[in-house]
Amino acid sequence: ELFEKKNYELRIAGGAVRDLLSGVTPQDIDFATTATPAEMKEMFTAAGVRLINNKGEKHGTITARLHEQNFEITTLRIDVVTDGRHAEVEFTTDWHKDAERRDLTVNSMFLGLDGTLYDFFNGYEDLKNKKIRFVGKAAERIQEDYLRILRYFRFYGRIAEKPGDHESNTLQAIKENAKGLAGISGERIWVELKKILVGNHVNHLVQLMYELDIAQYIGLPLDGNLEEFARVTKNIQNLSPKPMTVLTSLFKLKDDVTNLDLRLKISKEEKNLGLFLVKHRQELTKAQGPEPLRPYQDFLMDSREANTNSKIFELLKYQGEEELLKEMQEWTVPSFPVSGHDLRRMGVSSGKEIGTALQQLREEWKKSGYHMDKEELLSCLKKL
């Protein structure tokens, strides 16, 4: 109503339009308008609408807070200068020109609040046919921001029906411009890569990253273990793994995790998970016989580190052990039933002896599969 009153056009833009047309509820809704940031500020201030102070203004974005929700509204713009990472923009009132500077056809549509779809590059057609295409010439779009290479992969994994359905000139443009990713910050790359790793067709897309010479510029090892990756991505399909769990199957050595961290600045937790999986994926496996979970349980009981259980869950996903994973998630860590206090009551007095006795009893308790109770353990102590 505010925009209408002032005769400024306002439409929903980009990802939210794509989601609505796919029957998905959008996470957040971005708007585009013909009003400039200055005009919006004046209009909102006069109407008593709170503005969130944000850094987006020089790119043309104003954030208004209404009904406990933030709305980002961006002035239509044209890129004047781009360097492969950032763009200098000038404002426009031409919707076609704004759509032209967006990355993919499925992200370049606008939706009027009356339900009219404005689609200058056949984005809706592509969405229905599950095609991922750059707006205009692929090479030009990529050179404006090299991160778009990874966005292409991410949306392919989200929308395309089957692997391998790419236009050859798109792949050619990606290959010729792959090197541009070297200049993109690790943080931006990691955000996109994580989404690719938990999307569809991940095995196909990562193989493609190697074929198109992308891997080396985004922190992946030159000789990634693609056979292991193919095997693990199959194992993990329905187990909701963490991105790092999927990615670690490419790695052969601990150094691969360290190098990834140097390039992408992954979190400490992600790095630790990667190192844990590389170290234990081979030898920490299920036991033969009636207690397949025992090795994992023993490992957890012996561990002195925080969140070992979540790392073990990820290891079981990596190994494709769906049933064991369920059991392990339901297993509660038992608490050791004997304390130093109990031993004092039995007449063990010196601290050193108490320590030794507790250690021996823990071992017995472990051997029993953590089933022995306090009575059994204390009678065991007499024997010891």
Protein backbone atom coordinates (compact mmCIF):
# COMPACT_ATOMS: atom_id res chain seq x y z
CA GLU A 1 0.00 0.00 0.00
CA LEU A 2 2.84 2.39 0.86
CA PHE A 3 4.54 1.77 -2.48
CA GLU A 4 1.28 1.99 -4.41
CA LYS A 5 0.39 5.32 -2.84
CA LYS A 6 3.67 6.77 -4.08
CA ASN A 7 3.41 5.06 -7.49
CA TYR A 8 6.56 2.99 -6.95
CA GLU A 9 6.44 -0.51 -8.41
CA LEU A 10 7.13 -3.36 -6.00
CA ARG A 11 7.54 -7.03 -6.90
CA ILE A 12 8.79 -10.21 -5.24
CA ALA A 13 12.17 -11.14 -6.72
CA GLY A 14 14.50 -14.07 -7.33
CA GLY A 15 14.55 -17.15 -5.12
CA ALA A 16 11.14 -16.64 -3.50
CA VAL A 17 9.48 -16.57 -6.93
CA ARG A 18 11.30 -19.76 -7.91
CA ASP A 19 10.15 -21.44 -4.68
CA LEU A 20 6.53 -20.32 -5.02
CA LEU A 21 6.39 -21.62 -8.58
CA SER A 22 7.86 -24.95 -7.39
CA GLY A 23 5.21 -25.23 -4.67
CA VAL A 24 7.78 -24.65 -1.92
CA THR A 25 7.26 -22.14 0.91
CA PRO A 26 10.06 -19.58 0.56
CA GLN A 27 12.45 -19.22 3.51
CA ASP A 28 12.61 -15.48 3.05
CA ILE A 29 11.11 -13.07 0.59
CA ASP A 30 13.14 -10.38 -1.15
CA PHE A 31 11.48 -7.53 -2.95
CA ALA A 32 12.59 -5.37 -5.85
CA THR A 33 11.35 -1.88 -6.55
CA THR A 34 11.71 1.14 -8.81
CA ALA A 35 12.06 3.38 -5.72
CA THR A 36 15.60 4.47 -4.80
CA PRO A 37 16.99 3.84 -1.29
CA ALA A 38 16.55 7.55 -0.49
CA GLU A 39 12.91 7.51 -1.64
CA MET A 40 12.24 4.35 0.40
CA LYS A 41 13.81 5.79 3.53
CA GLU A 42 11.74 8.93 3.25
CA MET A 43 8.54 6.97 2.65
CA PHE A 44 9.13 4.47 5.49
CA THR A 45 10.17 7.15 7.96
CA ALA A 46 7.06 9.21 7.19
CA ALA A 47 4.91 6.10 7.76
CA GLY A 48 6.67 5.31 11.05
CA VAL A 49 8.13 2.01 9.78
CA ARG A 50 11.32 0.98 11.52
CA LEU A 51 14.41 0.61 9.33
CA ILE A 52 17.13 -1.83 10.27
CA ASN A 53 20.51 -0.23 9.91
CA ASN A 54 22.34 -2.36 7.41
CA LYS A 55 25.32 -2.29 5.13
CA GLY A 56 23.28 -2.99 2.01
CA GLU A 57 22.33 0.57 1.26
CA LYS A 58 25.12 1.36 -1.17
CA HIS A 59 24.04 -1.70 -3.20
CA GLY A 60 20.49 -0.40 -3.06
CA THR A 61 19.00 -2.57 -0.30
CA ILE A 62 16.81 -1.22 2.50
CA THR A 63 15.61 -3.48 5.31
CA ALA A 64 12.24 -2.58 6.80
CA ARG A 65 10.87 -4.18 9.94
CA LEU A 66 7.11 -4.80 9.92
CA HIS A 67 5.09 -7.14 12.14
CA GLU A 68 8.22 -8.63 13.76
CA GLN A 69 9.65 -9.53 10.35
CA ASN A 70 12.49 -8.08 8.29
CA PHE A 71 11.85 -7.34 4.63
CA GLU A 72 14.69 -6.63 2.23
CA ILE A 73 13.74 -4.35 -0.61
CA THR A 74 16.30 -3.63 -3.30
CA THR A 75 16.22 -0.94 -5.95
CA LEU A 76 16.45 -2.22 -9.53
CA ARG A 77 20.03 -1.91 -10.67
CA ILE A 78 22.54 -2.34 -13.47
CA ASP A 79 26.11 -3.51 -12.96
CA VAL A 80 28.48 -0.81 -14.16
CA VAL A 81 31.80 -2.44 -13.26
CA THR A 82 32.40 -6.01 -12.07
CA ASP A 83 35.68 -7.63 -11.02
CA GLY A 84 34.54 -11.23 -10.59
CA ARG A 85 33.74 -10.68 -6.91
CA HIS A 86 31.98 -7.35 -6.37
CA ALA A 87 29.92 -5.12 -8.61
CA GLU A 88 29.51 -1.36 -8.75
CA VAL A 89 25.88 -0.67 -9.50
CA GLU A 90 23.70 2.15 -10.66
CA PHE A 91 19.96 2.30 -10.14
CA THR A 92 17.40 1.85 -12.89
CA THR A 93 13.64 1.56 -13.33
CA ASP A 94 14.01 -1.06 -16.06
CA TRP A 95 12.92 -4.49 -14.80
CA HIS A 96 14.41 -6.27 -17.83
CA LYS A 97 17.84 -4.78 -17.18
CA ASP A 98 17.76 -5.92 -13.55
CA ALA A 99 16.72 -9.45 -14.54
CA GLU A 100 19.57 -9.52 -17.07
CA ARG A 101 22.24 -9.18 -14.35
CA ARG A 102 20.94 -12.11 -12.27
CA ASP A 103 22.74 -15.46 -12.39
CA LEU A 104 20.33 -18.21 -13.52
CA THR A 105 17.07 -18.05 -15.47
CA VAL A 106 15.17 -19.74 -12.62
CA ASN A 107 16.36 -16.95 -10.30
CA SER A 108 15.62 -14.06 -12.64
CA MET A 109 11.82 -13.85 -12.36
CA PHE A 110 9.63 -11.30 -10.61
CA LEU A 111 6.15 -11.73 -9.21
CA GLY A 112 3.74 -8.82 -8.97
CA LEU A 113 1.67 -8.74 -5.78
CA ASP A 114 -1.38 -9.22 -8.00
CA GLY A 115 0.02 -12.58 -9.13
CA THR A 116 1.46 -11.46 -12.48
CA LEU A 117 4.69 -13.29 -13.38
CA TYR A 118 7.39 -11.22 -15.09
CA ASP A 119 9.74 -13.65 -16.74
CA PHE A 120 12.16 -12.18 -19.30
CA PHE A 121 14.41 -15.23 -19.79
CA ASN A 122 12.04 -18.22 -19.83
CA GLY A 123 12.83 -19.05 -16.23
CA TYR A 124 9.42 -20.64 -15.63
CA GLU A 125 9.81 -22.86 -18.68
CA ASP A 126 13.27 -23.93 -17.44
CA LEU A 127 11.89 -24.57 -13.96
CA LYS A 128 9.11 -26.78 -15.33
CA ASN A 129 11.63 -28.67 -17.48
CA LYS A 130 14.08 -28.80 -14.54
CA LYS A 131 16.78 -27.07 -16.61
CA ILE A 132 19.51 -24.95 -15.04
CA ARG A 133 20.75 -22.24 -17.35
CA PHE A 134 22.62 -18.98 -17.00
CA VAL A 135 20.85 -15.79 -18.02
CA GLY A 136 22.29 -14.77 -21.40
CA LYS A 137 25.87 -15.86 -22.05
CA ALA A 138 27.27 -18.19 -19.39
CA ALA A 139 30.84 -16.84 -19.61
CA GLU A 140 29.68 -13.24 -19.07
CA ARG A 141 27.55 -14.14 -16.05
CA ILE A 142 30.42 -16.14 -14.53
CA GLN A 143 32.97 -13.39 -15.06
CA GLU A 144 30.74 -10.96 -13.14
CA ASP A 145 31.06 -13.22 -10.06
CA TYR A 146 32.99 -16.49 -10.24
CA LEU A 147 31.04 -17.90 -7.30
CA ARG A 148 28.21 -18.39 -9.82
CA ILE A 149 30.00 -21.53 -10.97
CA LEU A 150 29.20 -23.12 -7.62
CA ARG A 151 25.70 -21.65 -7.59
CA TYR A 152 25.13 -23.39 -10.92
CA PHE A 153 26.08 -26.71 -9.29
CA ARG A 154 24.01 -26.03 -6.19
CA PHE A 155 20.82 -25.29 -8.12
CA TYR A 156 21.49 -28.19 -10.44
CA GLY A 157 21.53 -30.44 -7.35
CA ARG A 158 18.30 -28.90 -6.19
CA ILE A 159 16.24 -28.75 -9.36
CA ALA A 160 17.58 -31.03 -12.11
CA GLU A 161 15.98 -34.44 -12.34
CA LYS A 162 18.95 -36.53 -13.39
CA PRO A 163 22.73 -36.20 -13.48
CA GLY A 164 24.48 -35.24 -16.69
CA ASP A 165 21.80 -32.98 -18.17
CA HIS A 166 24.03 -29.97 -18.91
CA GLU A 167 24.48 -27.83 -22.01
CA SER A 168 27.96 -28.38 -23.37
CA ASN A 169 28.63 -24.66 -23.88
CA THR A 170 27.79 -24.04 -20.19
CA LEU A 171 30.32 -26.66 -19.10
CA GLN A 172 32.85 -25.18 -21.51
CA ALA A 173 32.35 -21.70 -20.00
CA ILE A 174 32.74 -23.12 -16.49
CA LYS A 175 35.96 -24.89 -17.41
CA GLU A 176 37.47 -21.82 -19.07
CA ASN A 177 36.66 -19.66 -16.04
CA ALA A 178 37.33 -22.12 -13.22
CA LYS A 179 40.52 -20.32 -12.27
CA GLY A 180 38.49 -17.27 -11.27
CA LEU A 181 37.37 -19.18 -8.17
CA ALA A 182 40.91 -18.77 -6.81
CA GLY A 183 40.07 -15.12 -6.08
CA ILE A 184 36.84 -15.85 -4.17
CA SER A 185 36.95 -15.90 -0.38
CA GLY A 186 36.94 -19.30 1.31
CA GLU A 187 33.93 -18.40 3.43
CA ARG A 188 31.73 -17.73 0.38
CA ILE A 189 32.89 -20.93 -1.31
CA TRP A 190 32.23 -23.05 1.79
CA VAL A 191 28.63 -21.79 2.07
CA GLU A 192 27.89 -22.97 -1.48
CA LEU A 193 29.92 -26.18 -1.27
CA LYS A 194 28.10 -27.33 1.88
CA LYS A 195 24.75 -26.95 0.11
CA ILE A 196 26.03 -28.93 -2.88
CA LEU A 197 27.24 -31.73 -0.59
CA VAL A 198 23.81 -32.31 0.93
CA GLY A 199 21.85 -31.81 -2.31
CA ASN A 200 20.98 -34.34 -5.04
CA HIS A 201 23.42 -35.67 -7.65
CA VAL A 202 26.36 -34.88 -5.36
CA ASN A 203 28.55 -37.67 -6.71
CA HIS A 204 27.99 -36.51 -10.29
CA LEU A 205 28.61 -32.84 -9.39
CA VAL A 206 31.85 -33.45 -7.50
CA GLN A 207 33.17 -35.71 -10.28
CA LEU A 208 32.35 -32.82 -12.61
CA MET A 209 34.32 -30.40 -10.43
CA TYR A 210 37.37 -32.55 -11.05
CA GLU A 211 36.70 -32.90 -14.79
CA LEU A 212 36.29 -29.13 -15.17
CA ASP A 213 39.42 -28.30 -13.11
CA ILE A 214 37.49 -26.58 -10.34
CA ALA A 215 38.58 -28.75 -7.41
CA GLN A 216 42.10 -27.32 -7.03
CA TYR A 217 40.79 -23.75 -6.66
CA ILE A 218 38.34 -24.51 -3.86
CA GLY A 219 40.61 -26.42 -1.47
CA LEU A 220 39.89 -29.98 -2.62
CA PRO A 221 42.83 -32.40 -2.98
CA LEU A 222 44.18 -32.79 -6.52
CA ASP A 223 44.03 -36.57 -6.25
CA GLY A 224 40.70 -36.83 -4.44
CA ASN A 225 39.52 -40.41 -3.82
CA LEU A 226 36.60 -40.39 -6.25
CA GLU A 227 35.88 -44.14 -5.90
CA GLU A 228 35.47 -43.80 -2.14
CA PHE A 229 33.37 -40.68 -2.69
CA ALA A 230 31.02 -42.56 -5.02
CA ARG A 231 30.70 -45.42 -2.54
CA VAL A 232 30.05 -43.21 0.48
CA THR A 233 27.58 -40.88 -1.24
CA LYS A 234 25.54 -43.99 -2.02
CA ASN A 235 25.75 -45.19 1.62
CA ILE A 236 24.65 -41.89 3.01
CA GLN A 237 21.74 -41.06 0.75
CA ASN A 238 18.93 -41.14 3.31
CA LEU A 239 20.89 -40.55 6.50
CA SER A 240 21.10 -36.72 6.56
CA PRO A 241 24.88 -36.55 6.99
CA LYS A 242 26.76 -33.36 7.79
CA PRO A 243 28.43 -31.83 4.71
CA MET A 244 31.86 -32.56 6.18
CA THR A 245 31.03 -36.26 6.50
CA VAL A 246 30.29 -36.46 2.78
CA LEU A 247 33.34 -34.44 1.82
CA THR A 248 35.79 -36.43 3.96
CA SER A 249 35.33 -39.47 1.73
CA LEU A 250 37.40 -37.61 -0.90
CA PHE A 251 40.32 -37.29 1.50
CA LYS A 252 43.15 -39.78 1.80
CA LEU A 253 45.23 -38.07 4.50
CA LYS A 254 44.90 -35.77 7.49
CA ASP A 255 46.70 -33.10 5.45
CA ASP A 256 43.74 -32.98 3.07
CA VAL A 257 41.57 -31.76 5.96
CA THR A 258 44.19 -29.19 7.00
CA ASN A 259 44.51 -27.86 3.45
CA LEU A 260 40.75 -27.57 3.11
CA ASP A 261 40.70 -25.56 6.34
CA LEU A 262 43.48 -23.25 5.11
CA ARG A 263 41.51 -22.47 1.95
CA LEU A 264 37.93 -22.40 3.26
CA LYS A 265 38.26 -21.46 6.95
CA ILE A 266 35.93 -24.23 8.07
CA SER A 267 34.75 -24.27 11.68
CA LYS A 268 36.72 -26.01 14.39
CA GLU A 269 33.94 -28.56 14.79
CA GLU A 270 33.97 -29.33 11.05
CA LYS A 271 37.73 -29.70 11.03
CA ASN A 272 37.67 -32.04 14.03
CA LEU A 273 34.98 -34.17 12.43
CA GLY A 274 37.04 -34.48 9.24
CA LEU A 275 40.16 -35.49 11.17
CA PHE A 276 38.16 -37.98 13.26
CA LEU A 277 36.68 -39.68 10.18
CA VAL A 278 40.00 -39.89 8.34
CA LYS A 279 41.59 -41.42 11.42
CA HIS A 280 38.92 -43.93 12.47
CA ARG A 281 36.88 -44.82 9.36
CA GLN A 282 38.97 -47.94 8.65
CA GLU A 283 39.57 -49.53 12.02
CA LEU A 284 36.57 -48.44 14.09
CA THR A 285 34.02 -50.81 12.57
CA LYS A 286 31.27 -53.08 13.82
CA ALA A 287 32.15 -56.25 15.71
CA GLN A 288 31.27 -59.67 14.37
CA GLY A 289 28.89 -61.59 16.61
CA PRO A 290 25.97 -60.62 18.85
CA GLU A 291 27.23 -57.16 19.88
CA PRO A 292 28.12 -55.28 16.70
CA LEU A 293 27.94 -51.91 18.47
CA ARG A 294 30.49 -52.73 21.15
CA PRO A 295 33.54 -51.14 19.46
CA TYR A 296 31.66 -47.85 19.07
CA GLN A 297 30.33 -47.97 22.63
CA ASP A 298 33.77 -48.75 24.05
CA PHE A 299 35.29 -45.93 22.06
CA LEU A 300 32.69 -43.51 23.37
CA MET A 301 33.13 -44.68 26.98
CA ASP A 302 36.92 -44.29 26.75
CA SER A 303 36.77 -40.91 25.05
CA ARG A 304 37.67 -37.82 27.00
CA GLU A 305 36.52 -35.41 24.29
CA ALA A 306 33.30 -33.46 23.91
CA ASN A 307 30.71 -34.48 21.27
CA THR A 308 32.33 -37.84 20.56
CA ASN A 309 28.86 -39.34 20.21
CA SER A 310 27.88 -37.02 17.36
CA LYS A 311 31.17 -37.90 15.60
CA ILE A 312 30.37 -41.59 16.00
CA PHE A 313 26.90 -41.02 14.51
CA GLU A 314 28.58 -39.41 11.49
CA LEU A 315 31.04 -42.31 11.24
CA LEU A 316 28.15 -44.81 11.17
CA LYS A 317 26.50 -42.78 8.40
CA TYR A 318 29.78 -42.72 6.48
CA GLN A 319 29.94 -46.52 6.80
CA GLY A 320 26.31 -46.83 5.70
CA GLU A 321 25.31 -48.63 8.92
CA GLU A 322 21.71 -47.43 9.06
CA GLU A 323 20.45 -49.97 11.61
CA LEU A 324 23.43 -49.56 13.93
CA LEU A 325 23.04 -45.80 13.71
CA LYS A 326 19.46 -46.06 15.00
CA GLU A 327 20.55 -48.32 17.84
CA MET A 328 23.48 -46.09 18.74
CA GLN A 329 21.24 -43.01 18.78
CA GLU A 330 18.89 -44.78 21.20
CA TRP A 331 21.69 -46.03 23.45
CA THR A 332 22.23 -43.96 26.57
CA VAL A 333 25.70 -43.82 28.01
CA PRO A 334 25.56 -45.75 31.32
CA SER A 335 27.19 -44.15 34.34
CA PHE A 336 29.83 -46.07 36.25
CA PRO A 337 28.11 -47.30 39.44
CA VAL A 338 31.09 -47.26 41.86
CA SER A 339 32.65 -44.19 43.47
CA GLY A 340 35.74 -43.59 45.60
CA HIS A 341 33.31 -43.13 48.47
CA ASP A 342 32.17 -46.78 48.15
CA LEU A 343 35.78 -47.96 48.27
CA ARG A 344 36.57 -45.93 51.36
CA ARG A 345 33.65 -47.61 53.07
CA MET A 346 35.23 -50.94 52.25
CA GLY A 347 38.42 -49.84 53.92
CA VAL A 348 40.57 -48.80 50.94
CA SER A 349 42.12 -45.63 52.28
CA SER A 350 45.02 -44.33 50.21
CA GLY A 351 44.12 -42.15 47.21
CA LYS A 352 46.53 -44.04 44.99
CA GLU A 353 44.95 -47.41 45.81
CA ILE A 354 41.47 -46.01 45.23
CA GLY A 355 42.56 -44.76 41.82
CA THR A 356 44.02 -48.13 40.84
CA ALA A 357 41.00 -50.04 42.13
CA LEU A 358 38.54 -47.82 40.26
CA GLN A 359 40.54 -48.31 37.05
CA GLN A 360 40.45 -52.11 37.47
CA LEU A 361 36.73 -52.07 38.18
CA ARG A 362 36.06 -49.91 35.12
CA GLU A 363 37.83 -52.54 33.02
CA GLU A 364 35.70 -55.33 34.51
CA TRP A 365 32.57 -53.24 33.97
CA LYS A 366 33.55 -52.64 30.36
CA LYS A 367 34.15 -56.37 29.78
CA SER A 368 30.64 -57.07 31.07
CA GLY A 369 29.21 -54.75 28.41
CA TYR A 370 28.53 -52.14 31.14
CA HIS A 371 25.98 -54.47 32.76
CA MET A 372 27.58 -55.16 36.18
CA ASP A 373 25.97 -53.19 39.01
CA LYS A 374 27.55 -51.78 42.15
CA GLU A 375 27.14 -55.02 44.20
CA GLU A 376 28.70 -57.22 41.55
CA LEU A 377 31.60 -54.83 41.06
CA LEU A 378 32.34 -54.52 44.76
CA SER A 379 32.34 -58.30 45.25
CA CYS A 380 34.67 -58.42 42.27
CA LEU A 381 36.97 -56.01 44.12
CA LYS A 382 37.34 -58.49 46.96
CA LYS A 383 38.59 -61.09 44.47
CA LEU A 384 40.97 -58.57 42.95
